[in-house]
Amino acid sequence: MAKFNFCHLFAIIPWTLGSVASGHLVAHAQSAPSPSRLCPASVLSRLVRHSVKSGETLTSIAQQYGLSTATLKGMNPKLRQGRARVGMNLVVPPYNGILVAVPTGQTLQAVAKAYRISSEVLFEVNGCQTSPKVAFVPGITWSPSINSRPTGIAPLQSVGNTFQSPRSVTGRDRYPLPQPASILGTYGWRVNPETRKMQFYSGVDLQATPGTPVYAVSSGTVVFAGERGSSGQEVFIRHAQGRQTRYGRLQNLQVKVGQQVQPGHLIGEVTSAPQTALRFEVRYRSSLGWVAHDPQSYLQSLQK
């Protein structure tokens, strides 16, 4: 089987969904594990939802995403016994393959051996995790008989319920800054201006001067407030309907863990380092953790 390096592929293609790593969906930029090699975000970070529209068929949807119908059936068990119905939400991967449950105590090497795939490729495709609970195996064609393989590593049967669909804005939600701001850094793969390396960003950077007040966008409960990673002080707020918002590069925090907040509640100020910008993320709860979504459409809805 010919090998190709997924790391280089992912480094030049921007994907559009959040990320999964080590049991939690990636909260921040994922740096390369070594200067000579880029480590991509897991394929699970790029699963997207497609809502079936009138006139669409399983075949047309597969063609739209450059996938086989077998891949869509493997990822969405509800498609195996019938056709794609209008309004049905489908989970769509970035390329063909299957999602498997990794037995306790097993590693990706065992999965690679079971499906006769390069362990290096499998490692990279799954975000450089060694023992994930769930793994995506690229290039494997799903079929009903694949479940009976004597490998002990079978495809998931409930992947269609893995992610919750994003909810609409409540009407009371507000913008996180006093005024709509320019987006300095977009969601997805981009070059870190400090390290000059390609990194995956699970949020956006909103232009703001130091000391600019930052507000909660919606009512909820503060679940984290403090220093974390390279983004300085941060605040995480859990909202209703399985939604969470995250605010980074803050100073002078005005909230604490467990505190209830309302839309427009002051949570802190924009700091001057390392960049003069607010890091903002939107995530949704799933059975695998908190899935990061591109927040630009949400922010646009708050400006109306």
Protein backbone atom coordinates (compact mmCIF):
# COMPACT_ATOMS: atom_id res chain seq x y z
CA MET A 1 0.00 0.00 0.00
CA ALA A 2 1.43 3.37 -1.00
CA LYS A 3 2.04 5.78 1.84
CA PHE A 4 1.43 9.50 1.87
CA ASN A 5 1.95 12.01 4.62
CA PHE A 6 -1.35 13.31 5.98
CA CYS A 7 0.50 15.91 8.02
CA HIS A 8 1.59 17.84 4.95
CA LEU A 9 -1.85 17.47 3.40
CA PHE A 10 -3.59 18.89 6.46
CA ALA A 11 -1.07 21.69 6.79
CA ILE A 12 -2.22 23.25 3.52
CA ILE A 13 -5.95 22.49 3.61
CA PRO A 14 -8.10 24.54 6.02
CA TRP A 15 -10.84 22.44 7.58
CA THR A 16 -14.00 23.87 9.11
CA LEU A 17 -14.72 22.18 12.40
CA GLY A 18 -13.28 21.98 15.89
CA SER A 19 -10.95 19.38 17.24
CA VAL A 20 -10.53 16.32 19.44
CA ALA A 21 -7.49 15.32 21.46
CA SER A 22 -6.83 13.23 24.55
CA GLY A 23 -10.48 12.80 25.47
CA HIS A 24 -11.25 16.50 25.15
CA LEU A 25 -11.90 18.53 22.07
CA VAL A 26 -8.91 20.71 21.42
CA ALA A 27 -9.17 24.07 23.12
CA HIS A 28 -6.31 25.91 21.45
CA ALA A 29 -3.74 25.95 18.72
CA GLN A 30 -2.13 22.57 18.23
CA SER A 31 1.61 22.95 17.80
CA ALA A 32 3.83 20.53 15.98
CA PRO A 33 5.25 17.80 18.24
CA SER A 34 8.70 18.56 16.83
CA PRO A 35 10.16 21.31 14.64
CA SER A 36 10.44 18.93 11.69
CA ARG A 37 6.90 17.60 11.73
CA LEU A 38 3.39 18.98 11.87
CA CYS A 39 0.81 17.12 13.91
CA PRO A 40 -2.70 17.60 12.45
CA ALA A 41 -5.87 17.88 14.43
CA SER A 42 -7.82 14.63 14.60
CA VAL A 43 -10.22 13.80 11.78
CA LEU A 44 -12.90 13.87 14.47
CA SER A 45 -12.31 17.62 14.59
CA ARG A 46 -13.44 17.92 11.00
CA LEU A 47 -16.63 15.92 11.10
CA VAL A 48 -19.40 18.16 9.83
CA ARG A 49 -23.18 17.92 9.90
CA HIS A 50 -25.22 17.92 6.72
CA SER A 51 -28.97 18.45 6.91
CA VAL A 52 -30.65 16.66 4.00
CA LYS A 53 -32.57 19.05 1.76
CA SER A 54 -35.41 18.43 -0.65
CA GLY A 55 -34.18 16.84 -3.87
CA GLU A 56 -30.99 15.46 -2.35
CA THR A 57 -30.15 11.77 -2.45
CA LEU A 58 -27.50 9.69 -0.75
CA THR A 59 -25.55 9.65 -4.00
CA SER A 60 -25.75 13.41 -4.58
CA ILE A 61 -24.68 14.13 -1.01
CA ALA A 62 -21.72 11.76 -1.33
CA GLN A 63 -20.70 13.46 -4.58
CA GLN A 64 -20.99 16.88 -2.95
CA TYR A 65 -18.36 15.92 -0.38
CA GLY A 66 -16.25 13.73 -2.65
CA LEU A 67 -17.12 10.58 -0.68
CA SER A 68 -18.50 7.13 -1.40
CA THR A 69 -22.05 6.27 -0.36
CA ALA A 70 -20.55 3.44 1.71
CA THR A 71 -18.66 5.96 3.84
CA LEU A 72 -21.86 7.88 4.58
CA LYS A 73 -23.65 4.64 5.48
CA GLY A 74 -20.82 3.64 7.77
CA MET A 75 -20.87 6.98 9.56
CA ASN A 76 -24.69 7.13 9.70
CA PRO A 77 -26.33 3.78 10.61
CA LYS A 78 -29.79 5.26 9.97
CA LEU A 79 -28.95 5.33 6.23
CA ARG A 80 -28.33 1.59 6.01
CA GLN A 81 -31.98 0.55 5.98
CA GLY A 82 -33.44 3.31 3.81
CA ARG A 83 -32.88 6.52 1.92
CA ALA A 84 -31.78 9.96 3.04
CA ARG A 85 -34.91 11.74 4.22
CA VAL A 86 -35.42 15.50 4.18
CA GLY A 87 -34.37 17.01 7.50
CA MET A 88 -32.15 14.09 8.45
CA ASN A 89 -28.83 15.20 10.00
CA LEU A 90 -25.83 13.30 8.67
CA VAL A 91 -22.29 13.15 10.04
CA VAL A 92 -19.80 13.68 7.20
CA PRO A 93 -16.03 13.02 7.42
CA PRO A 94 -13.46 14.90 5.31
CA TYR A 95 -12.59 11.77 3.31
CA ASN A 96 -13.48 8.09 2.98
CA GLY A 97 -12.96 5.70 5.86
CA ILE A 98 -14.64 4.24 8.92
CA LEU A 99 -14.85 5.18 12.59
CA VAL A 100 -13.96 2.40 15.03
CA ALA A 101 -14.11 1.92 18.78
CA VAL A 102 -10.68 1.18 20.23
CA PRO A 103 -10.97 -1.52 22.95
CA THR A 104 -9.64 -0.66 26.39
CA GLY A 105 -5.95 -1.41 26.58
CA GLN A 106 -5.49 -1.36 22.81
CA THR A 107 -3.44 1.17 20.87
CA LEU A 108 -3.54 2.62 17.39
CA GLN A 109 -0.88 0.11 16.42
CA ALA A 110 -3.41 -2.66 17.04
CA VAL A 111 -5.99 -0.85 14.94
CA ALA A 112 -3.46 -0.35 12.14
CA LYS A 113 -2.59 -4.05 12.16
CA ALA A 114 -6.26 -5.10 12.16
CA TYR A 115 -7.07 -2.96 9.13
CA ARG A 116 -3.69 -3.33 7.38
CA ILE A 117 -2.90 0.36 7.30
CA SER A 118 0.29 2.25 8.09
CA SER A 119 0.44 2.92 11.83
CA GLU A 120 2.20 6.23 11.11
CA VAL A 121 -0.63 7.42 8.86
CA LEU A 122 -3.25 6.29 11.39
CA PHE A 123 -1.38 8.09 14.16
CA GLU A 124 -1.34 11.35 12.20
CA VAL A 125 -4.95 11.08 11.02
CA ASN A 126 -6.09 10.75 14.62
CA GLY A 127 -4.25 13.77 15.94
CA CYS A 128 -1.11 11.97 17.13
CA GLN A 129 -2.91 10.23 19.98
CA THR A 130 -1.54 6.86 21.07
CA SER A 131 -4.60 5.30 22.70
CA PRO A 132 -7.80 7.15 21.74
CA LYS A 133 -11.21 5.71 22.57
CA VAL A 134 -12.35 6.27 19.00
CA ALA A 135 -10.25 6.22 15.83
CA PHE A 136 -10.88 7.06 12.18
CA VAL A 137 -9.40 4.54 9.74
CA PRO A 138 -8.94 6.16 6.31
CA GLY A 139 -9.38 4.31 3.04
CA ILE A 140 -11.46 1.47 4.48
CA THR A 141 -14.77 0.85 2.69
CA TRP A 142 -17.68 0.18 5.01
CA SER A 143 -19.90 -2.82 4.30
CA PRO A 144 -22.39 -4.82 6.42
CA SER A 145 -19.89 -7.69 6.64
CA ILE A 146 -17.15 -5.49 8.08
CA ASN A 147 -18.81 -5.76 11.49
CA SER A 148 -18.10 -9.50 11.58
CA ARG A 149 -14.35 -9.20 11.05
CA PRO A 150 -12.45 -11.28 13.64
CA THR A 151 -10.33 -8.29 14.67
CA GLY A 152 -11.96 -7.33 17.95
CA ILE A 153 -11.99 -3.76 16.65
CA ALA A 154 -15.35 -3.01 15.09
CA PRO A 155 -16.88 0.12 13.53
CA LEU A 156 -18.99 2.26 15.83
CA GLN A 157 -22.72 1.65 15.61
CA SER A 158 -23.97 4.98 16.98
CA VAL A 159 -21.76 7.59 15.35
CA GLY A 160 -24.85 9.33 14.04
CA ASN A 161 -25.58 10.41 17.60
CA THR A 162 -22.05 11.55 18.36
CA PHE A 163 -22.59 15.26 17.86
CA GLN A 164 -25.37 17.66 18.72
CA SER A 165 -26.45 20.18 16.11
CA PRO A 166 -25.65 23.81 16.88
CA ARG A 167 -28.60 25.68 18.35
CA SER A 168 -29.85 29.00 17.12
CA VAL A 169 -29.20 32.28 18.90
CA THR A 170 -31.77 32.94 21.62
CA GLY A 171 -32.45 36.54 20.66
CA ARG A 172 -31.00 37.79 23.96
CA ASP A 173 -27.42 36.91 23.13
CA ARG A 174 -25.05 39.84 22.68
CA TYR A 175 -21.67 40.51 21.09
CA PRO A 176 -18.65 39.81 23.38
CA LEU A 177 -17.16 43.28 22.80
CA PRO A 178 -18.70 46.78 23.03
CA GLN A 179 -18.77 46.97 19.21
CA PRO A 180 -18.41 44.42 16.38
CA ALA A 181 -14.72 43.95 15.66
CA SER A 182 -12.54 42.90 12.75
CA ILE A 183 -11.42 39.29 12.72
CA LEU A 184 -7.62 39.20 12.84
CA GLY A 185 -7.26 35.44 12.95
CA THR A 186 -9.72 32.94 11.52
CA TYR A 187 -10.76 29.48 12.61
CA GLY A 188 -8.75 26.59 11.13
CA TRP A 189 -5.18 26.13 9.96
CA ARG A 190 -3.02 29.26 9.88
CA VAL A 191 0.53 30.38 10.56
CA ASN A 192 1.33 31.39 14.12
CA PRO A 193 2.76 34.93 13.79
CA GLU A 194 5.17 34.31 16.67
CA THR A 195 6.50 30.82 15.86
CA ARG A 196 5.90 30.96 12.08
CA LYS A 197 4.57 27.41 12.25
CA MET A 198 1.28 26.07 10.93
CA GLN A 199 -1.21 25.56 13.77
CA PHE A 200 -4.89 24.69 14.05
CA TYR A 201 -6.99 27.34 15.79
CA SER A 202 -10.35 26.40 17.25
CA GLY A 203 -11.59 29.98 17.55
CA VAL A 204 -11.22 33.47 16.10
CA ASP A 205 -9.21 36.51 17.19
CA LEU A 206 -11.28 39.70 17.47
CA GLN A 207 -9.40 42.99 17.20
CA ALA A 208 -9.52 45.01 20.42
CA THR A 209 -7.30 47.46 22.29
CA PRO A 210 -5.89 46.60 25.73
CA GLY A 211 -8.43 47.23 28.46
CA THR A 212 -11.47 46.74 26.21
CA PRO A 213 -14.27 45.19 28.29
CA VAL A 214 -15.35 41.65 27.41
CA TYR A 215 -18.90 40.46 28.01
CA ALA A 216 -20.68 37.12 28.31
CA VAL A 217 -22.62 36.53 25.11
CA SER A 218 -25.39 34.55 26.78
CA SER A 219 -26.67 33.47 30.18
CA GLY A 220 -24.89 30.55 31.79
CA THR A 221 -22.49 29.30 34.44
CA VAL A 222 -18.77 30.04 34.63
CA VAL A 223 -16.95 26.69 34.57
CA PHE A 224 -13.38 28.00 34.27
CA ALA A 225 -11.73 31.32 35.10
CA GLY A 226 -7.97 31.69 35.34
CA GLU A 227 -4.62 31.15 33.63
CA ARG A 228 -4.46 28.50 30.93
CA GLY A 229 -1.83 27.81 28.28
CA SER A 230 -0.55 30.55 26.02
CA SER A 231 -3.76 32.59 25.99
CA GLY A 232 -3.22 34.14 29.42
CA GLN A 233 -6.34 34.40 31.53
CA GLU A 234 -9.43 32.68 30.15
CA VAL A 235 -13.10 32.25 30.98
CA PHE A 236 -15.32 29.33 29.95
CA ILE A 237 -19.10 29.71 30.24
CA ARG A 238 -21.52 26.79 29.93
CA HIS A 239 -24.88 27.73 28.43
CA ALA A 240 -28.16 25.89 27.88
CA GLN A 241 -28.68 23.40 25.04
CA GLY A 242 -25.18 21.96 25.25
CA ARG A 243 -23.33 25.12 24.25
CA GLN A 244 -20.15 26.61 25.70
CA THR A 245 -18.30 29.84 24.91
CA ARG A 246 -14.65 30.51 25.66
CA TYR A 247 -12.86 33.84 26.00
CA GLY A 248 -9.06 34.12 25.92
CA ARG A 249 -6.30 36.74 26.25
CA LEU A 250 -7.99 38.42 29.21
CA GLN A 251 -6.90 40.39 32.27
CA ASN A 252 -8.69 41.68 35.37
CA LEU A 253 -11.20 38.83 35.50
CA GLN A 254 -14.54 39.83 37.02
CA VAL A 255 -16.07 36.36 37.42
CA LYS A 256 -15.29 33.12 39.25
CA VAL A 257 -16.11 29.45 38.77
CA GLY A 258 -19.71 28.62 39.63
CA GLN A 259 -20.96 32.16 39.10
CA GLN A 260 -24.17 32.69 37.12
CA VAL A 261 -23.95 35.31 34.38
CA GLN A 262 -26.39 36.99 32.03
CA PRO A 263 -25.89 38.38 28.50
CA GLY A 264 -23.71 41.49 28.78
CA HIS A 265 -22.18 40.50 32.14
CA LEU A 266 -18.63 41.93 32.36
CA ILE A 267 -16.20 39.02 32.62
CA GLY A 268 -12.85 40.79 32.13
CA GLU A 269 -10.74 42.96 29.84
CA VAL A 270 -8.58 42.35 26.79
CA THR A 271 -4.91 42.07 27.72
CA SER A 272 -1.95 43.48 25.81
CA ALA A 273 0.00 40.24 25.53
CA PRO A 274 0.78 38.15 23.63
CA GLN A 275 -1.56 39.76 21.09
CA THR A 276 -4.01 42.62 21.36
CA ALA A 277 -7.10 40.62 20.49
CA LEU A 278 -9.86 38.63 22.12
CA ARG A 279 -9.75 34.88 21.49
CA PHE A 280 -13.36 33.68 21.14
CA GLU A 281 -14.62 30.10 20.73
CA VAL A 282 -18.00 28.40 20.50
CA ARG A 283 -18.32 24.71 21.38
CA TYR A 284 -21.10 22.15 21.54
CA ARG A 285 -21.30 19.10 23.78
CA SER A 286 -20.97 15.64 22.24
CA SER A 287 -20.44 12.13 23.54
CA LEU A 288 -16.73 12.62 22.83
CA GLY A 289 -16.32 16.00 24.50
CA TRP A 290 -16.78 19.64 23.50
CA VAL A 291 -16.75 20.13 19.73
CA ALA A 292 -15.39 23.47 18.52
CA HIS A 293 -17.35 25.15 15.73
CA ASP A 294 -16.34 28.03 13.52
CA PRO A 295 -17.79 30.97 15.50
CA GLN A 296 -17.99 33.45 12.61
CA SER A 297 -21.63 32.74 11.68
CA TYR A 298 -22.61 32.97 15.35
CA LEU A 299 -20.84 36.31 15.73
CA GLN A 300 -22.50 37.59 12.57
CA SER A 301 -25.91 36.69 13.98
CA LEU A 302 -25.14 38.79 17.08
CA GLN A 303 -24.58 41.86 14.92
CA LYS A 304 -28.08 41.84 13.43
